[in-house]
Amino acid sequence: MKIVLDIPDSKVGFMMELLQSLSFVKAKPLPVGVSNEKALFLGEAVEELNDVLAGKTQAHNAYELLDNV
């Protein structure tokens, strides 16, 4: 599961240290200029790609995806 947190700049260091101290959490800050919506979209895309690579789902070509829009 992915969670997006909105944290004040002054608390980012503390929050990252806290999250990285938990062995079951993978945390990294978003690059500057990346919106929350774009980050969520990219996260979903990576998750879907990982499912395809793991054989959990089948890949579709771009034309099939565009036909469903």
PDB file of N, CA and C in Angstrom:
ATOM      1  N   MET A   1       0.849  -1.172   0.000  1.00  0.00           N
ATOM      2  CA  MET A   1       0.000   0.000   0.000  1.00  0.00           C
ATOM      3  C   MET A   1       0.890   1.229   0.000  1.00  0.00           C
ATOM      4  N   LYS A   2       0.463   2.232  -0.690  1.00  0.00           N
ATOM      5  CA  LYS A   2       1.198   3.492  -0.737  1.00  0.00           C
ATOM      6  C   LYS A   2       0.364   4.561  -0.054  1.00  0.00           C
ATOM      7  N   ILE A   3       1.058   5.424   0.690  1.00  0.00           N
ATOM      8  CA  ILE A   3       0.403   6.516   1.401  1.00  0.00           C
ATOM      9  C   ILE A   3       1.158   7.797   1.078  1.00  0.00           C
ATOM     10  N   VAL A   4       0.429   8.841   0.770  1.00  0.00           N
ATOM     11  CA  VAL A   4       1.041  10.142   0.521  1.00  0.00           C
ATOM     12  C   VAL A   4       0.809  11.003   1.756  1.00  0.00           C
ATOM     13  N   LEU A   5       1.891  11.548   2.286  1.00  0.00           N
ATOM     14  CA  LEU A   5       1.812  12.411   3.461  1.00  0.00           C
ATOM     15  C   LEU A   5       2.212  13.826   3.076  1.00  0.00           C
ATOM     16  N   ASP A   6       1.524  14.804   3.613  1.00  0.00           N
ATOM     17  CA  ASP A   6       1.874  16.204   3.393  1.00  0.00           C
ATOM     18  C   ASP A   6       2.500  16.709   4.691  1.00  0.00           C
ATOM     19  N   ILE A   7       3.824  16.906   4.680  1.00  0.00           N
ATOM     20  CA  ILE A   7       4.565  17.236   5.889  1.00  0.00           C
ATOM     21  C   ILE A   7       5.253  18.585   5.691  1.00  0.00           C
ATOM     22  N   PRO A   8       5.204  19.450   6.703  1.00  0.00           N
ATOM     23  CA  PRO A   8       5.910  20.737   6.586  1.00  0.00           C
ATOM     24  C   PRO A   8       7.413  20.512   6.375  1.00  0.00           C
ATOM     25  N   ASP A   9       8.017  21.378   5.578  1.00  0.00           N
ATOM     26  CA  ASP A   9       9.446  21.237   5.280  1.00  0.00           C
ATOM     27  C   ASP A   9      10.297  21.136   6.544  1.00  0.00           C
ATOM     28  N   SER A  10       9.905  21.835   7.583  1.00  0.00           N
ATOM     29  CA  SER A  10      10.695  21.842   8.814  1.00  0.00           C
ATOM     30  C   SER A  10      10.674  20.498   9.543  1.00  0.00           C
ATOM     31  N   LYS A  11       9.754  19.617   9.205  1.00  0.00           N
ATOM     32  CA  LYS A  11       9.622  18.321   9.891  1.00  0.00           C
ATOM     33  C   LYS A  11      10.016  17.131   9.011  1.00  0.00           C
ATOM     34  N   VAL A  12      10.410  17.386   7.762  1.00  0.00           N
ATOM     35  CA  VAL A  12      10.709  16.301   6.832  1.00  0.00           C
ATOM     36  C   VAL A  12      11.853  15.425   7.337  1.00  0.00           C
ATOM     37  N   GLY A  13      12.912  16.026   7.817  1.00  0.00           N
ATOM     38  CA  GLY A  13      14.065  15.261   8.316  1.00  0.00           C
ATOM     39  C   GLY A  13      13.670  14.301   9.424  1.00  0.00           C
ATOM     40  N   PHE A  14      12.919  14.806  10.395  1.00  0.00           N
ATOM     41  CA  PHE A  14      12.458  13.965  11.507  1.00  0.00           C
ATOM     42  C   PHE A  14      11.583  12.825  11.002  1.00  0.00           C
ATOM     43  N   MET A  15      10.640  13.151  10.111  1.00  0.00           N
ATOM     44  CA  MET A  15       9.698  12.146   9.617  1.00  0.00           C
ATOM     45  C   MET A  15      10.407  11.071   8.813  1.00  0.00           C
ATOM     46  N   MET A  16      11.361  11.462   7.967  1.00  0.00           N
ATOM     47  CA  MET A  16      12.105  10.487   7.166  1.00  0.00           C
ATOM     48  C   MET A  16      12.913   9.566   8.073  1.00  0.00           C
ATOM     49  N   GLU A  17      13.543  10.139   9.083  1.00  0.00           N
ATOM     50  CA  GLU A  17      14.320   9.321  10.022  1.00  0.00           C
ATOM     51  C   GLU A  17      13.406   8.326  10.745  1.00  0.00           C
ATOM     52  N   LEU A  18      12.247   8.793  11.151  1.00  0.00           N
ATOM     53  CA  LEU A  18      11.290   7.927  11.837  1.00  0.00           C
ATOM     54  C   LEU A  18      10.813   6.800  10.923  1.00  0.00           C
ATOM     55  N   LEU A  19      10.414   7.138   9.710  1.00  0.00           N
ATOM     56  CA  LEU A  19       9.911   6.133   8.779  1.00  0.00           C
ATOM     57  C   LEU A  19      10.997   5.120   8.390  1.00  0.00           C
ATOM     58  N   GLN A  20      12.216   5.603   8.161  1.00  0.00           N
ATOM     59  CA  GLN A  20      13.300   4.706   7.768  1.00  0.00           C
ATOM     60  C   GLN A  20      13.755   3.810   8.910  1.00  0.00           C
ATOM     61  N   SER A  21      13.399   4.159  10.146  1.00  0.00           N
ATOM     62  CA  SER A  21      13.754   3.306  11.280  1.00  0.00           C
ATOM     63  C   SER A  21      12.833   2.085  11.382  1.00  0.00           C
ATOM     64  N   LEU A  22      11.750   2.102  10.637  1.00  0.00           N
ATOM     65  CA  LEU A  22      10.810   0.975  10.626  1.00  0.00           C
ATOM     66  C   LEU A  22      11.192   0.030   9.494  1.00  0.00           C
ATOM     67  N   SER A  23      11.507  -1.205   9.829  1.00  0.00           N
ATOM     68  CA  SER A  23      12.004  -2.161   8.832  1.00  0.00           C
ATOM     69  C   SER A  23      10.981  -2.488   7.740  1.00  0.00           C
ATOM     70  N   PHE A  24       9.710  -2.327   8.021  1.00  0.00           N
ATOM     71  CA  PHE A  24       8.662  -2.688   7.064  1.00  0.00           C
ATOM     72  C   PHE A  24       8.214  -1.522   6.184  1.00  0.00           C
ATOM     73  N   VAL A  25       8.875  -0.365   6.313  1.00  0.00           N
ATOM     74  CA  VAL A  25       8.500   0.817   5.548  1.00  0.00           C
ATOM     75  C   VAL A  25       9.626   1.193   4.588  1.00  0.00           C
ATOM     76  N   LYS A  26       9.269   1.451   3.342  1.00  0.00           N
ATOM     77  CA  LYS A  26      10.201   1.999   2.354  1.00  0.00           C
ATOM     78  C   LYS A  26       9.758   3.430   2.118  1.00  0.00           C
ATOM     79  N   ALA A  27      10.596   4.386   2.488  1.00  0.00           N
ATOM     80  CA  ALA A  27      10.220   5.793   2.376  1.00  0.00           C
ATOM     81  C   ALA A  27      11.274   6.562   1.615  1.00  0.00           C
ATOM     82  N   LYS A  28      10.802   7.429   0.726  1.00  0.00           N
ATOM     83  CA  LYS A  28      11.704   8.348   0.036  1.00  0.00           C
ATOM     84  C   LYS A  28      10.898   9.585  -0.331  1.00  0.00           C
ATOM     85  N   PRO A  29      11.518  10.757  -0.244  1.00  0.00           N
ATOM     86  CA  PRO A  29      10.788  11.981  -0.582  1.00  0.00           C
ATOM     87  C   PRO A  29      10.582  12.091  -2.089  1.00  0.00           C
ATOM     88  N   LEU A  30       9.535  12.809  -2.481  1.00  0.00           N
ATOM     89  CA  LEU A  30       9.286  13.057  -3.897  1.00  0.00           C
ATOM     90  C   LEU A  30      10.309  14.058  -4.417  1.00  0.00           C
ATOM     91  N   PRO A  31      10.732  13.901  -5.654  1.00  0.00           N
ATOM     92  CA  PRO A  31      11.618  14.919  -6.242  1.00  0.00           C
ATOM     93  C   PRO A  31      10.896  16.269  -6.296  1.00  0.00           C
ATOM     94  N   VAL A  32      11.648  17.335  -6.258  1.00  0.00           N
ATOM     95  CA  VAL A  32      11.076  18.682  -6.314  1.00  0.00           C
ATOM     96  C   VAL A  32      10.295  18.834  -7.615  1.00  0.00           C
ATOM     97  N   GLY A  33       9.096  19.371  -7.510  1.00  0.00           N
ATOM     98  CA  GLY A  33       8.274  19.631  -8.684  1.00  0.00           C
ATOM     99  C   GLY A  33       7.307  18.517  -9.044  1.00  0.00           C
ATOM    100  N   VAL A  34       7.354  17.392  -8.324  1.00  0.00           N
ATOM    101  CA  VAL A  34       6.435  16.293  -8.601  1.00  0.00           C
ATOM    102  C   VAL A  34       5.194  16.467  -7.728  1.00  0.00           C
ATOM    103  N   SER A  35       4.035  16.562  -8.359  1.00  0.00           N
ATOM    104  CA  SER A  35       2.792  16.745  -7.613  1.00  0.00           C
ATOM    105  C   SER A  35       2.354  15.421  -6.995  1.00  0.00           C
ATOM    106  N   ASN A  36       1.485  15.512  -6.014  1.00  0.00           N
ATOM    107  CA  ASN A  36       0.951  14.306  -5.366  1.00  0.00           C
ATOM    108  C   ASN A  36       0.217  13.424  -6.375  1.00  0.00           C
ATOM    109  N   GLU A  37      -0.531  14.067  -7.285  1.00  0.00           N
ATOM    110  CA  GLU A  37      -1.285  13.307  -8.276  1.00  0.00           C
ATOM    111  C   GLU A  37      -0.345  12.533  -9.196  1.00  0.00           C
ATOM    112  N   LYS A  38       0.728  13.177  -9.619  1.00  0.00           N
ATOM    113  CA  LYS A  38       1.694  12.521 -10.492  1.00  0.00           C
ATOM    114  C   LYS A  38       2.387  11.384  -9.743  1.00  0.00           C
ATOM    115  N   ALA A  39       2.710  11.612  -8.491  1.00  0.00           N
ATOM    116  CA  ALA A  39       3.359  10.573  -7.686  1.00  0.00           C
ATOM    117  C   ALA A  39       2.444   9.363  -7.523  1.00  0.00           C
ATOM    118  N   LEU A  40       1.167   9.598  -7.275  1.00  0.00           N
ATOM    119  CA  LEU A  40       0.219   8.483  -7.144  1.00  0.00           C
ATOM    120  C   LEU A  40       0.087   7.728  -8.458  1.00  0.00           C
ATOM    121  N   PHE A  41       0.000   8.459  -9.568  1.00  0.00           N
ATOM    122  CA  PHE A  41      -0.101   7.832 -10.880  1.00  0.00           C
ATOM    123  C   PHE A  41       1.129   6.967 -11.157  1.00  0.00           C
ATOM    124  N   LEU A  42       2.317   7.512 -10.909  1.00  0.00           N
ATOM    125  CA  LEU A  42       3.550   6.764 -11.144  1.00  0.00           C
ATOM    126  C   LEU A  42       3.633   5.543 -10.239  1.00  0.00           C
ATOM    127  N   GLY A  43       3.204   5.705  -8.990  1.00  0.00           N
ATOM    128  CA  GLY A  43       3.210   4.573  -8.057  1.00  0.00           C
ATOM    129  C   GLY A  43       2.307   3.453  -8.531  1.00  0.00           C
ATOM    130  N   GLU A  44       1.132   3.814  -9.022  1.00  0.00           N
ATOM    131  CA  GLU A  44       0.207   2.805  -9.547  1.00  0.00           C
ATOM    132  C   GLU A  44       0.784   2.133 -10.787  1.00  0.00           C
ATOM    133  N   ALA A  45       1.447   2.916 -11.631  1.00  0.00           N
ATOM    134  CA  ALA A  45       2.040   2.359 -12.847  1.00  0.00           C
ATOM    135  C   ALA A  45       3.150   1.368 -12.501  1.00  0.00           C
ATOM    136  N   VAL A  46       3.977   1.709 -11.549  1.00  0.00           N
ATOM    137  CA  VAL A  46       5.062   0.812 -11.129  1.00  0.00           C
ATOM    138  C   VAL A  46       4.490  -0.452 -10.513  1.00  0.00           C
ATOM    139  N   GLU A  47       3.449  -0.290  -9.705  1.00  0.00           N
ATOM    140  CA  GLU A  47       2.807  -1.451  -9.084  1.00  0.00           C
ATOM    141  C   GLU A  47       2.231  -2.391 -10.150  1.00  0.00           C
ATOM    142  N   GLU A  48       1.596  -1.816 -11.163  1.00  0.00           N
ATOM    143  CA  GLU A  48       1.027  -2.618 -12.242  1.00  0.00           C
ATOM    144  C   GLU A  48       2.130  -3.326 -13.034  1.00  0.00           C
ATOM    145  N   LEU A  49       3.209  -2.616 -13.306  1.00  0.00           N
ATOM    146  CA  LEU A  49       4.335  -3.222 -14.017  1.00  0.00           C
ATOM    147  C   LEU A  49       4.932  -4.371 -13.209  1.00  0.00           C
ATOM    148  N   ASN A  50       5.066  -4.191 -11.909  1.00  0.00           N
ATOM    149  CA  ASN A  50       5.579  -5.267 -11.055  1.00  0.00           C
ATOM    150  C   ASN A  50       4.667  -6.491 -11.094  1.00  0.00           C
ATOM    151  N   ASP A  51       3.353  -6.260 -11.139  1.00  0.00           N
ATOM    152  CA  ASP A  51       2.408  -7.384 -11.248  1.00  0.00           C
ATOM    153  C   ASP A  51       2.581  -8.122 -12.568  1.00  0.00           C
ATOM    154  N   VAL A  52       2.807  -7.380 -13.651  1.00  0.00           N
ATOM    155  CA  VAL A  52       3.035  -8.003 -14.963  1.00  0.00           C
ATOM    156  C   VAL A  52       4.321  -8.826 -14.924  1.00  0.00           C
ATOM    157  N   LEU A  53       5.374  -8.243 -14.379  1.00  0.00           N
ATOM    158  CA  LEU A  53       6.656  -8.948 -14.318  1.00  0.00           C
ATOM    159  C   LEU A  53       6.594 -10.178 -13.423  1.00  0.00           C
ATOM    160  N   ALA A  54       5.746 -10.140 -12.394  1.00  0.00           N
ATOM    161  CA  ALA A  54       5.593 -11.277 -11.488  1.00  0.00           C
ATOM    162  C   ALA A  54       4.630 -12.325 -12.035  1.00  0.00           C
ATOM    163  N   GLY A  55       3.989 -12.029 -13.180  1.00  0.00           N
ATOM    164  CA  GLY A  55       3.061 -12.978 -13.784  1.00  0.00           C
ATOM    165  C   GLY A  55       1.678 -12.960 -13.170  1.00  0.00           C
ATOM    166  N   LYS A  56       1.374 -11.953 -12.353  1.00  0.00           N
ATOM    167  CA  LYS A  56       0.065 -11.862 -11.704  1.00  0.00           C
ATOM    168  C   LYS A  56      -1.009 -11.318 -12.640  1.00  0.00           C
ATOM    169  N   THR A  57      -0.592 -10.613 -13.680  1.00  0.00           N
ATOM    170  CA  THR A  57      -1.521 -10.031 -14.640  1.00  0.00           C
ATOM    171  C   THR A  57      -0.846  -9.982 -16.004  1.00  0.00           C
ATOM    172  N   GLN A  58      -1.637  -9.779 -17.040  1.00  0.00           N
ATOM    173  CA  GLN A  58      -1.092  -9.720 -18.390  1.00  0.00           C
ATOM    174  C   GLN A  58      -0.916  -8.272 -18.833  1.00  0.00           C
ATOM    175  N   ALA A  59       0.118  -8.038 -19.610  1.00  0.00           N
ATOM    176  CA  ALA A  59       0.351  -6.707 -20.162  1.00  0.00           C
ATOM    177  C   ALA A  59      -0.573  -6.489 -21.359  1.00  0.00           C
ATOM    178  N   HIS A  60      -0.918  -5.246 -21.605  1.00  0.00           N
ATOM    179  CA  HIS A  60      -1.726  -4.870 -22.756  1.00  0.00           C
ATOM    180  C   HIS A  60      -0.928  -3.874 -23.585  1.00  0.00           C
ATOM    181  N   ASN A  61      -1.140  -3.882 -24.871  1.00  0.00           N
ATOM    182  CA  ASN A  61      -0.418  -2.899 -25.675  1.00  0.00           C
ATOM    183  C   ASN A  61      -1.124  -1.553 -25.603  1.00  0.00           C
ATOM    184  N   ALA A  62      -0.442  -0.507 -26.020  1.00  0.00           N
ATOM    185  CA  ALA A  62      -0.945   0.865 -25.893  1.00  0.00           C
ATOM    186  C   ALA A  62      -2.249   1.059 -26.659  1.00  0.00           C
ATOM    187  N   TYR A  63      -2.388   0.408 -27.810  1.00  0.00           N
ATOM    188  CA  TYR A  63      -3.621   0.572 -28.605  1.00  0.00           C
ATOM    189  C   TYR A  63      -4.840   0.051 -27.857  1.00  0.00           C
ATOM    190  N   GLU A  64      -4.695  -1.079 -27.155  1.00  0.00           N
ATOM    191  CA  GLU A  64      -5.793  -1.614 -26.362  1.00  0.00           C
ATOM    192  C   GLU A  64      -6.179  -0.647 -25.249  1.00  0.00           C
ATOM    193  N   LEU A  65      -5.164  -0.065 -24.612  1.00  0.00           N
ATOM    194  CA  LEU A  65      -5.434   0.887 -23.524  1.00  0.00           C
ATOM    195  C   LEU A  65      -6.156   2.121 -24.053  1.00  0.00           C
ATOM    196  N   LEU A  66      -5.732   2.629 -25.209  1.00  0.00           N
ATOM    197  CA  LEU A  66      -6.369   3.812 -25.779  1.00  0.00           C
ATOM    198  C   LEU A  66      -7.789   3.529 -26.236  1.00  0.00           C
ATOM    199  N   ASP A  67      -8.060   2.302 -26.670  1.00  0.00           N
ATOM    200  CA  ASP A  67      -9.413   1.936 -27.090  1.00  0.00           C
ATOM    201  C   ASP A  67     -10.388   1.951 -25.923  1.00  0.00           C
ATOM    202  N   ASN A  68      -9.882   1.772 -24.701  1.00  0.00           N
ATOM    203  CA  ASN A  68     -10.732   1.741 -23.501  1.00  0.00           C
ATOM    204  C   ASN A  68     -10.990   3.118 -22.920  1.00  0.00           C
ATOM    205  N   VAL A  69     -10.407   4.153 -23.496  1.00  0.00           N
ATOM    206  CA  VAL A  69     -10.571   5.515 -22.956  1.00  0.00           C
ATOM    207  C   VAL A  69     -11.834   6.125 -23.475  1.00  0.00           C
TER     208      VAL A  69
END
